[in-house]
Amino acid sequence: ARPEDGFTTSPRRGAVLRWFSWRRNGFLLHPDAVV
């Protein structure tokens, strides 16, 4: 995960449910696809 990759990630409190992956856990919406 990088700040400029365009993904909307989990907030810091999401670490309660995603211990290791909350910084990488995210989505990106493109007109043609959901990533």
PDB file of all heavy atoms in Angstrom:
ATOM      1  N   ALA A   1       0.828  -1.202   0.000  1.00  0.00           N
ATOM      2  CA  ALA A   1       0.000   0.000   0.000  1.00  0.00           C
ATOM      3  C   ALA A   1       0.862   1.251   0.000  1.00  0.00           C
ATOM      4  O   ALA A   1       1.880   1.345   0.693  1.00  0.00           O
ATOM      5  CB  ALA A   1      -0.914  -0.005   1.220  1.00  0.00           C
ATOM      6  N   ARG A   2       0.441   2.237  -0.816  1.00  0.00           N
ATOM      7  CA  ARG A   2       1.102   3.532  -0.898  1.00  0.00           C
ATOM      8  C   ARG A   2       0.038   4.622  -0.898  1.00  0.00           C
ATOM      9  O   ARG A   2      -1.079   4.414  -1.379  1.00  0.00           O
ATOM     10  CB  ARG A   2       1.938   3.630  -2.169  1.00  0.00           C
ATOM     11  CG  ARG A   2       3.093   2.631  -2.266  1.00  0.00           C
ATOM     12  CD  ARG A   2       3.678   2.650  -3.660  1.00  0.00           C
ATOM     13  NE  ARG A   2       2.657   2.264  -4.642  1.00  0.00           N
ATOM     14  CZ  ARG A   2       2.795   2.408  -5.955  1.00  0.00           C
ATOM     15  NH1 ARG A   2       3.893   2.945  -6.443  1.00  0.00           N
ATOM     16  NH2 ARG A   2       1.825   2.031  -6.764  1.00  0.00           N
ATOM     17  N   PRO A   3       0.342   5.806  -0.385  1.00  0.00           N
ATOM     18  CA  PRO A   3      -0.676   6.873  -0.347  1.00  0.00           C
ATOM     19  C   PRO A   3      -1.156   7.291  -1.724  1.00  0.00           C
ATOM     20  O   PRO A   3      -2.309   7.713  -1.884  1.00  0.00           O
ATOM     21  CB  PRO A   3       0.056   8.025   0.366  1.00  0.00           C
ATOM     22  CG  PRO A   3       1.170   7.379   1.127  1.00  0.00           C
ATOM     23  CD  PRO A   3       1.585   6.193   0.310  1.00  0.00           C
ATOM     24  N   GLU A   4      -0.308   7.169  -2.749  1.00  0.00           N
ATOM     25  CA  GLU A   4      -0.677   7.659  -4.085  1.00  0.00           C
ATOM     26  C   GLU A   4      -1.252   6.573  -4.980  1.00  0.00           C
ATOM     27  O   GLU A   4      -1.419   6.800  -6.181  1.00  0.00           O
ATOM     28  CB  GLU A   4       0.554   8.275  -4.766  1.00  0.00           C
ATOM     29  CG  GLU A   4       1.663   7.284  -5.115  1.00  0.00           C
ATOM     30  CD  GLU A   4       2.609   6.994  -3.956  1.00  0.00           C
ATOM     31  OE1 GLU A   4       2.310   7.471  -2.829  1.00  0.00           O
ATOM     32  OE2 GLU A   4       3.620   6.311  -4.168  1.00  0.00           O
ATOM     33  N   ASP A   5      -1.566   5.381  -4.444  1.00  0.00           N
ATOM     34  CA  ASP A   5      -2.045   4.297  -5.316  1.00  0.00           C
ATOM     35  C   ASP A   5      -3.519   4.424  -5.674  1.00  0.00           C
ATOM     36  O   ASP A   5      -4.028   3.654  -6.494  1.00  0.00           O
ATOM     37  CB  ASP A   5      -1.766   2.939  -4.680  1.00  0.00           C
ATOM     38  CG  ASP A   5      -2.402   2.772  -3.299  1.00  0.00           C
ATOM     39  OD1 ASP A   5      -3.303   3.561  -2.958  1.00  0.00           O
ATOM     40  OD2 ASP A   5      -1.979   1.869  -2.556  1.00  0.00           O
ATOM     41  N   GLY A   6      -4.241   5.379  -5.046  1.00  0.00           N
ATOM     42  CA  GLY A   6      -5.632   5.611  -5.412  1.00  0.00           C
ATOM     43  C   GLY A   6      -6.645   4.775  -4.667  1.00  0.00           C
ATOM     44  O   GLY A   6      -7.856   4.931  -4.894  1.00  0.00           O
ATOM     45  N   PHE A   7      -6.220   3.893  -3.759  1.00  0.00           N
ATOM     46  CA  PHE A   7      -7.148   3.026  -3.039  1.00  0.00           C
ATOM     47  C   PHE A   7      -7.655   3.718  -1.775  1.00  0.00           C
ATOM     48  O   PHE A   7      -6.903   4.417  -1.077  1.00  0.00           O
ATOM     49  CB  PHE A   7      -6.468   1.715  -2.649  1.00  0.00           C
ATOM     50  CG  PHE A   7      -6.374   0.724  -3.770  1.00  0.00           C
ATOM     51  CD1 PHE A   7      -5.390   0.827  -4.737  1.00  0.00           C
ATOM     52  CD2 PHE A   7      -7.288  -0.313  -3.880  1.00  0.00           C
ATOM     53  CE1 PHE A   7      -5.297  -0.071  -5.774  1.00  0.00           C
ATOM     54  CE2 PHE A   7      -7.210  -1.234  -4.906  1.00  0.00           C
ATOM     55  CZ  PHE A   7      -6.219  -1.113  -5.863  1.00  0.00           C
ATOM     56  N   THR A   8      -8.924   3.509  -1.477  1.00  0.00           N
ATOM     57  CA  THR A   8      -9.515   3.957  -0.222  1.00  0.00           C
ATOM     58  C   THR A   8      -9.379   2.824   0.780  1.00  0.00           C
ATOM     59  O   THR A   8      -9.964   1.753   0.588  1.00  0.00           O
ATOM     60  CB  THR A   8     -10.993   4.332  -0.412  1.00  0.00           C
ATOM     61  OG1 THR A   8     -11.099   5.351  -1.401  1.00  0.00           O
ATOM     62  CG2 THR A   8     -11.596   4.810   0.891  1.00  0.00           C
ATOM     63  N   THR A   9      -8.616   3.022   1.838  1.00  0.00           N
ATOM     64  CA  THR A   9      -8.270   1.945   2.760  1.00  0.00           C
ATOM     65  C   THR A   9      -9.046   2.062   4.068  1.00  0.00           C
ATOM     66  O   THR A   9      -9.764   3.040   4.313  1.00  0.00           O
ATOM     67  CB  THR A   9      -6.761   1.956   3.046  1.00  0.00           C
ATOM     68  OG1 THR A   9      -6.389   3.234   3.574  1.00  0.00           O
ATOM     69  CG2 THR A   9      -5.980   1.714   1.762  1.00  0.00           C
ATOM     70  N   SER A  10      -8.868   1.054   4.912  1.00  0.00           N
ATOM     71  CA  SER A  10      -9.537   1.020   6.210  1.00  0.00           C
ATOM     72  C   SER A  10      -8.957   2.093   7.126  1.00  0.00           C
ATOM     73  O   SER A  10      -7.761   2.413   7.056  1.00  0.00           O
ATOM     74  CB  SER A  10      -9.366  -0.346   6.860  1.00  0.00           C
ATOM     75  OG  SER A  10      -9.927  -1.363   6.066  1.00  0.00           O
ATOM     76  N   PRO A  11      -9.777   2.645   8.018  1.00  0.00           N
ATOM     77  CA  PRO A  11      -9.239   3.593   9.004  1.00  0.00           C
ATOM     78  C   PRO A  11      -8.390   2.854  10.046  1.00  0.00           C
ATOM     79  O   PRO A  11      -8.386   1.627  10.100  1.00  0.00           O
ATOM     80  CB  PRO A  11     -10.500   4.197   9.619  1.00  0.00           C
ATOM     81  CG  PRO A  11     -11.541   3.134   9.451  1.00  0.00           C
ATOM     82  CD  PRO A  11     -11.210   2.451   8.152  1.00  0.00           C
ATOM     83  N   ARG A  12      -7.713   3.618  10.899  1.00  0.00           N
ATOM     84  CA  ARG A  12      -6.829   3.012  11.888  1.00  0.00           C
ATOM     85  C   ARG A  12      -7.599   2.093  12.844  1.00  0.00           C
ATOM     86  O   ARG A  12      -7.073   1.057  13.269  1.00  0.00           O
ATOM     87  CB  ARG A  12      -6.093   4.094  12.671  1.00  0.00           C
ATOM     88  CG  ARG A  12      -5.153   3.556  13.748  1.00  0.00           C
ATOM     89  CD  ARG A  12      -4.329   4.662  14.345  1.00  0.00           C
ATOM     90  NE  ARG A  12      -3.375   5.191  13.386  1.00  0.00           N
ATOM     91  CZ  ARG A  12      -2.162   4.660  13.185  1.00  0.00           C
ATOM     92  NH1 ARG A  12      -1.789   3.588  13.851  1.00  0.00           N
ATOM     93  NH2 ARG A  12      -1.354   5.198  12.301  1.00  0.00           N
ATOM     94  N   ARG A  13      -8.834   2.453  13.161  1.00  0.00           N
ATOM     95  CA  ARG A  13      -9.606   1.597  14.068  1.00  0.00           C
ATOM     96  C   ARG A  13      -9.954   0.259  13.424  1.00  0.00           C
ATOM     97  O   ARG A  13     -10.387  -0.670  14.100  1.00  0.00           O
ATOM     98  CB  ARG A  13     -10.873   2.313  14.520  1.00  0.00           C
ATOM     99  CG  ARG A  13     -11.823   2.689  13.391  1.00  0.00           C
ATOM    100  CD  ARG A  13     -13.036   3.444  13.917  1.00  0.00           C
ATOM    101  NE  ARG A  13     -13.965   3.804  12.856  1.00  0.00           N
ATOM    102  CZ  ARG A  13     -13.863   4.874  12.098  1.00  0.00           C
ATOM    103  NH1 ARG A  13     -12.849   5.719  12.280  1.00  0.00           N
ATOM    104  NH2 ARG A  13     -14.757   5.124  11.146  1.00  0.00           N
ATOM    105  N   GLY A  14      -9.770   0.156  12.093  1.00  0.00           N
ATOM    106  CA  GLY A  14      -9.998  -1.127  11.436  1.00  0.00           C
ATOM    107  C   GLY A  14      -8.968  -2.170  11.814  1.00  0.00           C
ATOM    108  O   GLY A  14      -9.153  -3.362  11.532  1.00  0.00           O
ATOM    109  N   ALA A  15      -7.857  -1.753  12.471  1.00  0.00           N
ATOM    110  CA  ALA A  15      -6.845  -2.715  12.903  1.00  0.00           C
ATOM    111  C   ALA A  15      -7.387  -3.679  13.945  1.00  0.00           C
ATOM    112  O   ALA A  15      -6.812  -4.751  14.165  1.00  0.00           O
ATOM    113  CB  ALA A  15      -5.633  -1.968  13.459  1.00  0.00           C
ATOM    114  N   VAL A  16      -8.505  -3.325  14.586  1.00  0.00           N
ATOM    115  CA  VAL A  16      -9.119  -4.256  15.535  1.00  0.00           C
ATOM    116  C   VAL A  16      -9.581  -5.519  14.824  1.00  0.00           C
ATOM    117  O   VAL A  16      -9.508  -6.626  15.376  1.00  0.00           O
ATOM    118  CB  VAL A  16     -10.300  -3.559  16.253  1.00  0.00           C
ATOM    119  CG1 VAL A  16     -11.009  -4.520  17.199  1.00  0.00           C
ATOM    120  CG2 VAL A  16      -9.809  -2.329  17.010  1.00  0.00           C
ATOM    121  N   LEU A  17     -10.050  -5.398  13.591  1.00  0.00           N
ATOM    122  CA  LEU A  17     -10.528  -6.539  12.805  1.00  0.00           C
ATOM    123  C   LEU A  17      -9.499  -7.027  11.799  1.00  0.00           C
ATOM    124  O   LEU A  17      -9.519  -8.195  11.407  1.00  0.00           O
ATOM    125  CB  LEU A  17     -11.826  -6.161  12.074  1.00  0.00           C
ATOM    126  CG  LEU A  17     -12.987  -5.707  12.951  1.00  0.00           C
ATOM    127  CD1 LEU A  17     -14.182  -5.333  12.084  1.00  0.00           C
ATOM    128  CD2 LEU A  17     -13.375  -6.795  13.942  1.00  0.00           C
ATOM    129  N   ARG A  18      -8.628  -6.145  11.348  1.00  0.00           N
ATOM    130  CA  ARG A  18      -7.594  -6.513  10.368  1.00  0.00           C
ATOM    131  C   ARG A  18      -6.242  -6.130  10.974  1.00  0.00           C
ATOM    132  O   ARG A  18      -5.712  -5.061  10.715  1.00  0.00           O
ATOM    133  CB  ARG A  18      -7.824  -5.777   9.030  1.00  0.00           C
ATOM    134  CG  ARG A  18      -9.157  -6.059   8.363  1.00  0.00           C
ATOM    135  CD  ARG A  18      -9.219  -7.476   7.828  1.00  0.00           C
ATOM    136  NE  ARG A  18     -10.433  -7.697   7.048  1.00  0.00           N
ATOM    137  CZ  ARG A  18     -11.602  -8.063   7.561  1.00  0.00           C
ATOM    138  NH1 ARG A  18     -11.706  -8.247   8.872  1.00  0.00           N
ATOM    139  NH2 ARG A  18     -12.653  -8.257   6.790  1.00  0.00           N
ATOM    140  N   TRP A  19      -5.685  -7.015  11.775  1.00  0.00           N
ATOM    141  CA  TRP A  19      -4.497  -6.682  12.548  1.00  0.00           C
ATOM    142  C   TRP A  19      -3.329  -6.241  11.676  1.00  0.00           C
ATOM    143  O   TRP A  19      -2.653  -5.265  11.972  1.00  0.00           O
ATOM    144  CB  TRP A  19      -4.080  -7.887  13.393  1.00  0.00           C
ATOM    145  CG  TRP A  19      -5.066  -8.270  14.438  1.00  0.00           C
ATOM    146  CD1 TRP A  19      -6.229  -7.620  14.740  1.00  0.00           C
ATOM    147  CD2 TRP A  19      -5.000  -9.390  15.310  1.00  0.00           C
ATOM    148  NE1 TRP A  19      -6.900  -8.268  15.752  1.00  0.00           N
ATOM    149  CE2 TRP A  19      -6.160  -9.370  16.120  1.00  0.00           C
ATOM    150  CE3 TRP A  19      -4.086 -10.418  15.484  1.00  0.00           C
ATOM    151  CZ2 TRP A  19      -6.414 -10.326  17.089  1.00  0.00           C
ATOM    152  CZ3 TRP A  19      -4.335 -11.367  16.460  1.00  0.00           C
ATOM    153  CH2 TRP A  19      -5.481 -11.328  17.252  1.00  0.00           C
ATOM    154  N   PHE A  20      -3.071  -7.023  10.639  1.00  0.00           N
ATOM    155  CA  PHE A  20      -1.895  -6.763   9.819  1.00  0.00           C
ATOM    156  C   PHE A  20      -2.213  -6.054   8.507  1.00  0.00           C
ATOM    157  O   PHE A  20      -1.331  -5.414   7.920  1.00  0.00           O
ATOM    158  CB  PHE A  20      -1.167  -8.084   9.498  1.00  0.00           C
ATOM    159  CG  PHE A  20      -0.779  -8.868  10.726  1.00  0.00           C
ATOM    160  CD1 PHE A  20      -1.474 -10.008  11.077  1.00  0.00           C
ATOM    161  CD2 PHE A  20       0.273  -8.455  11.522  1.00  0.00           C
ATOM    162  CE1 PHE A  20      -1.124 -10.731  12.199  1.00  0.00           C
ATOM    163  CE2 PHE A  20       0.639  -9.165  12.643  1.00  0.00           C
ATOM    164  CZ  PHE A  20      -0.065 -10.315  12.995  1.00  0.00           C
ATOM    165  N   SER A  21      -3.431  -6.185   8.025  1.00  0.00           N
ATOM    166  CA  SER A  21      -3.732  -5.742   6.661  1.00  0.00           C
ATOM    167  C   SER A  21      -4.562  -4.475   6.584  1.00  0.00           C
ATOM    168  O   SER A  21      -5.001  -4.105   5.492  1.00  0.00           O
ATOM    169  CB  SER A  21      -4.458  -6.867   5.909  1.00  0.00           C
ATOM    170  OG  SER A  21      -5.701  -7.155   6.526  1.00  0.00           O
ATOM    171  N   TRP A  22      -4.818  -3.788   7.715  1.00  0.00           N
ATOM    172  CA  TRP A  22      -5.722  -2.636   7.644  1.00  0.00           C
ATOM    173  C   TRP A  22      -5.168  -1.523   6.748  1.00  0.00           C
ATOM    174  O   TRP A  22      -5.928  -0.779   6.135  1.00  0.00           O
ATOM    175  CB  TRP A  22      -6.031  -2.111   9.045  1.00  0.00           C
ATOM    176  CG  TRP A  22      -4.855  -1.514   9.775  1.00  0.00           C
ATOM    177  CD1 TRP A  22      -3.956  -2.169  10.540  1.00  0.00           C
ATOM    178  CD2 TRP A  22      -4.475  -0.146   9.789  1.00  0.00           C
ATOM    179  NE1 TRP A  22      -3.020  -1.297  11.044  1.00  0.00           N
ATOM    180  CE2 TRP A  22      -3.322  -0.031  10.602  1.00  0.00           C
ATOM    181  CE3 TRP A  22      -4.977   1.020   9.198  1.00  0.00           C
ATOM    182  CZ2 TRP A  22      -2.668   1.171  10.829  1.00  0.00           C
ATOM    183  CZ3 TRP A  22      -4.346   2.218   9.423  1.00  0.00           C
ATOM    184  CH2 TRP A  22      -3.196   2.293  10.236  1.00  0.00           C
ATOM    185  N   ARG A  23      -3.828  -1.398   6.659  1.00  0.00           N
ATOM    186  CA  ARG A  23      -3.263  -0.378   5.780  1.00  0.00           C
ATOM    187  C   ARG A  23      -3.443  -0.733   4.305  1.00  0.00           C
ATOM    188  O   ARG A  23      -3.505   0.154   3.454  1.00  0.00           O
ATOM    189  CB  ARG A  23      -1.774  -0.198   6.076  1.00  0.00           C
ATOM    190  CG  ARG A  23      -1.466   0.456   7.415  1.00  0.00           C
ATOM    191  CD  ARG A  23       0.031   0.699   7.556  1.00  0.00           C
ATOM    192  NE  ARG A  23       0.361   1.361   8.805  1.00  0.00           N
ATOM    193  CZ  ARG A  23       0.610   0.721   9.947  1.00  0.00           C
ATOM    194  NH1 ARG A  23       0.556  -0.609   9.984  1.00  0.00           N
ATOM    195  NH2 ARG A  23       0.906   1.396  11.044  1.00  0.00           N
ATOM    196  N   ARG A  24      -3.487  -2.024   4.007  1.00  0.00           N
ATOM    197  CA  ARG A  24      -3.593  -2.468   2.610  1.00  0.00           C
ATOM    198  C   ARG A  24      -5.035  -2.756   2.217  1.00  0.00           C
ATOM    199  O   ARG A  24      -5.374  -2.775   1.034  1.00  0.00           O
ATOM    200  CB  ARG A  24      -2.735  -3.727   2.412  1.00  0.00           C
ATOM    201  CG  ARG A  24      -2.491  -4.092   0.972  1.00  0.00           C
ATOM    202  CD  ARG A  24      -1.505  -5.229   0.825  1.00  0.00           C
ATOM    203  NE  ARG A  24      -1.205  -5.472  -0.569  1.00  0.00           N
ATOM    204  CZ  ARG A  24      -1.948  -6.226  -1.365  1.00  0.00           C
ATOM    205  NH1 ARG A  24      -3.008  -6.841  -0.880  1.00  0.00           N
ATOM    206  NH2 ARG A  24      -1.635  -6.374  -2.625  1.00  0.00           N
ATOM    207  N   ASN A  25      -5.879  -3.003   3.172  1.00  0.00           N
ATOM    208  CA  ASN A  25      -7.273  -3.366   2.929  1.00  0.00           C
ATOM    209  C   ASN A  25      -8.016  -2.161   2.353  1.00  0.00           C
ATOM    210  O   ASN A  25      -8.206  -1.147   3.035  1.00  0.00           O
ATOM    211  CB  ASN A  25      -7.909  -3.805   4.247  1.00  0.00           C
ATOM    212  CG  ASN A  25      -9.274  -4.444   4.054  1.00  0.00           C
ATOM    213  OD1 ASN A  25      -9.367  -5.564   3.575  1.00  0.00           O
ATOM    214  ND2 ASN A  25     -10.319  -3.724   4.427  1.00  0.00           N
ATOM    215  N   GLY A  26      -8.411  -2.241   1.065  1.00  0.00           N
ATOM    216  CA  GLY A  26      -9.074  -1.093   0.465  1.00  0.00           C
ATOM    217  C   GLY A  26      -9.698  -1.401  -0.872  1.00  0.00           C
ATOM    218  O   GLY A  26      -9.629  -2.529  -1.378  1.00  0.00           O
ATOM    219  N   PHE A  27     -10.313  -0.378  -1.467  1.00  0.00           N
ATOM    220  CA  PHE A  27     -11.017  -0.544  -2.742  1.00  0.00           C
ATOM    221  C   PHE A  27     -10.704   0.629  -3.656  1.00  0.00           C
ATOM    222  O   PHE A  27     -10.254   1.697  -3.217  1.00  0.00           O
ATOM    223  CB  PHE A  27     -12.529  -0.648  -2.522  1.00  0.00           C
ATOM    224  CG  PHE A  27     -13.170   0.622  -2.041  1.00  0.00           C
ATOM    225  CD1 PHE A  27     -13.650   1.580  -2.927  1.00  0.00           C
ATOM    226  CD2 PHE A  27     -13.299   0.882  -0.675  1.00  0.00           C
ATOM    227  CE1 PHE A  27     -14.230   2.750  -2.481  1.00  0.00           C
ATOM    228  CE2 PHE A  27     -13.877   2.052  -0.219  1.00  0.00           C
ATOM    229  CZ  PHE A  27     -14.353   2.993  -1.119  1.00  0.00           C
ATOM    230  N   LEU A  28     -10.987   0.397  -4.937  1.00  0.00           N
ATOM    231  CA  LEU A  28     -10.847   1.423  -5.963  1.00  0.00           C
ATOM    232  C   LEU A  28     -11.982   1.229  -6.954  1.00  0.00           C
ATOM    233  O   LEU A  28     -12.176   0.126  -7.464  1.00  0.00           O
ATOM    234  CB  LEU A  28      -9.489   1.311  -6.647  1.00  0.00           C
ATOM    235  CG  LEU A  28      -9.087   2.407  -7.641  1.00  0.00           C
ATOM    236  CD1 LEU A  28      -7.567   2.554  -7.658  1.00  0.00           C
ATOM    237  CD2 LEU A  28      -9.562   2.073  -9.058  1.00  0.00           C
ATOM    238  N   LEU A  29     -12.724   2.274  -7.206  1.00  0.00           N
ATOM    239  CA  LEU A  29     -13.865   2.202  -8.133  1.00  0.00           C
ATOM    240  C   LEU A  29     -13.505   2.906  -9.428  1.00  0.00           C
ATOM    241  O   LEU A  29     -13.202   4.096  -9.443  1.00  0.00           O
ATOM    242  CB  LEU A  29     -15.107   2.831  -7.507  1.00  0.00           C
ATOM    243  CG  LEU A  29     -16.370   2.820  -8.381  1.00  0.00           C
ATOM    244  CD1 LEU A  29     -16.766   1.387  -8.733  1.00  0.00           C
ATOM    245  CD2 LEU A  29     -17.516   3.530  -7.679  1.00  0.00           C
ATOM    246  N   HIS A  30     -13.530   2.107 -10.504  1.00  0.00           N
ATOM    247  CA  HIS A  30     -13.303   2.620 -11.853  1.00  0.00           C
ATOM    248  C   HIS A  30     -14.626   2.505 -12.608  1.00  0.00           C
ATOM    249  O   HIS A  30     -15.452   1.644 -12.290  1.00  0.00           O
ATOM    250  CB  HIS A  30     -12.200   1.794 -12.541  1.00  0.00           C
ATOM    251  CG  HIS A  30     -11.770   2.327 -13.872  1.00  0.00           C
ATOM    252  ND1 HIS A  30     -12.379   1.937 -15.051  1.00  0.00           N
ATOM    253  CD2 HIS A  30     -10.804   3.216 -14.213  1.00  0.00           C
ATOM    254  CE1 HIS A  30     -11.799   2.557 -16.056  1.00  0.00           C
ATOM    255  NE2 HIS A  30     -10.843   3.335 -15.578  1.00  0.00           N
ATOM    256  N   PRO A  31     -14.888   3.344 -13.588  1.00  0.00           N
ATOM    257  CA  PRO A  31     -16.158   3.215 -14.320  1.00  0.00           C
ATOM    258  C   PRO A  31     -16.396   1.828 -14.906  1.00  0.00           C
ATOM    259  O   PRO A  31     -17.550   1.419 -15.077  1.00  0.00           O
ATOM    260  CB  PRO A  31     -16.033   4.275 -15.426  1.00  0.00           C
ATOM    261  CG  PRO A  31     -15.111   5.295 -14.857  1.00  0.00           C
ATOM    262  CD  PRO A  31     -14.134   4.533 -14.017  1.00  0.00           C
ATOM    263  N   ASP A  32     -15.330   1.104 -15.198  1.00  0.00           N
ATOM    264  CA  ASP A  32     -15.486  -0.215 -15.813  1.00  0.00           C
ATOM    265  C   ASP A  32     -15.333  -1.374 -14.839  1.00  0.00           C
ATOM    266  O   ASP A  32     -15.644  -2.515 -15.193  1.00  0.00           O
ATOM    267  CB  ASP A  32     -14.463  -0.398 -16.944  1.00  0.00           C
ATOM    268  CG  ASP A  32     -14.708   0.574 -18.086  1.00  0.00           C
ATOM    269  OD1 ASP A  32     -15.880   0.887 -18.332  1.00  0.00           O
ATOM    270  OD2 ASP A  32     -13.730   1.010 -18.710  1.00  0.00           O
ATOM    271  N   ALA A  33     -14.830  -1.148 -13.638  1.00  0.00           N
ATOM    272  CA  ALA A  33     -14.577  -2.260 -12.721  1.00  0.00           C
ATOM    273  C   ALA A  33     -14.452  -1.754 -11.294  1.00  0.00           C
ATOM    274  O   ALA A  33     -14.101  -0.594 -11.049  1.00  0.00           O
ATOM    275  CB  ALA A  33     -13.307  -3.014 -13.115  1.00  0.00           C
ATOM    276  N   VAL A  34     -14.738  -2.672 -10.357  1.00  0.00           N
ATOM    277  CA  VAL A  34     -14.500  -2.443  -8.938  1.00  0.00           C
ATOM    278  C   VAL A  34     -13.309  -3.314  -8.541  1.00  0.00           C
ATOM    279  O   VAL A  34     -13.303  -4.520  -8.793  1.00  0.00           O
ATOM    280  CB  VAL A  34     -15.731  -2.814  -8.088  1.00  0.00           C
ATOM    281  CG1 VAL A  34     -15.462  -2.531  -6.619  1.00  0.00           C
ATOM    282  CG2 VAL A  34     -16.952  -2.049  -8.560  1.00  0.00           C
ATOM    283  N   VAL A  35     -12.302  -2.701  -7.945  1.00  0.00           N
ATOM    284  CA  VAL A  35     -11.076  -3.403  -7.563  1.00  0.00           C
ATOM    285  C   VAL A  35     -11.019  -3.456  -6.043  1.00  0.00           C
ATOM    286  O   VAL A  35     -11.068  -2.407  -5.376  1.00  0.00           O
ATOM    287  CB  VAL A  35      -9.827  -2.696  -8.128  1.00  0.00           C
ATOM    288  CG1 VAL A  35      -8.570  -3.504  -7.798  1.00  0.00           C
ATOM    289  CG2 VAL A  35      -9.959  -2.509  -9.635  1.00  0.00           C
TER     290      VAL A  35
END
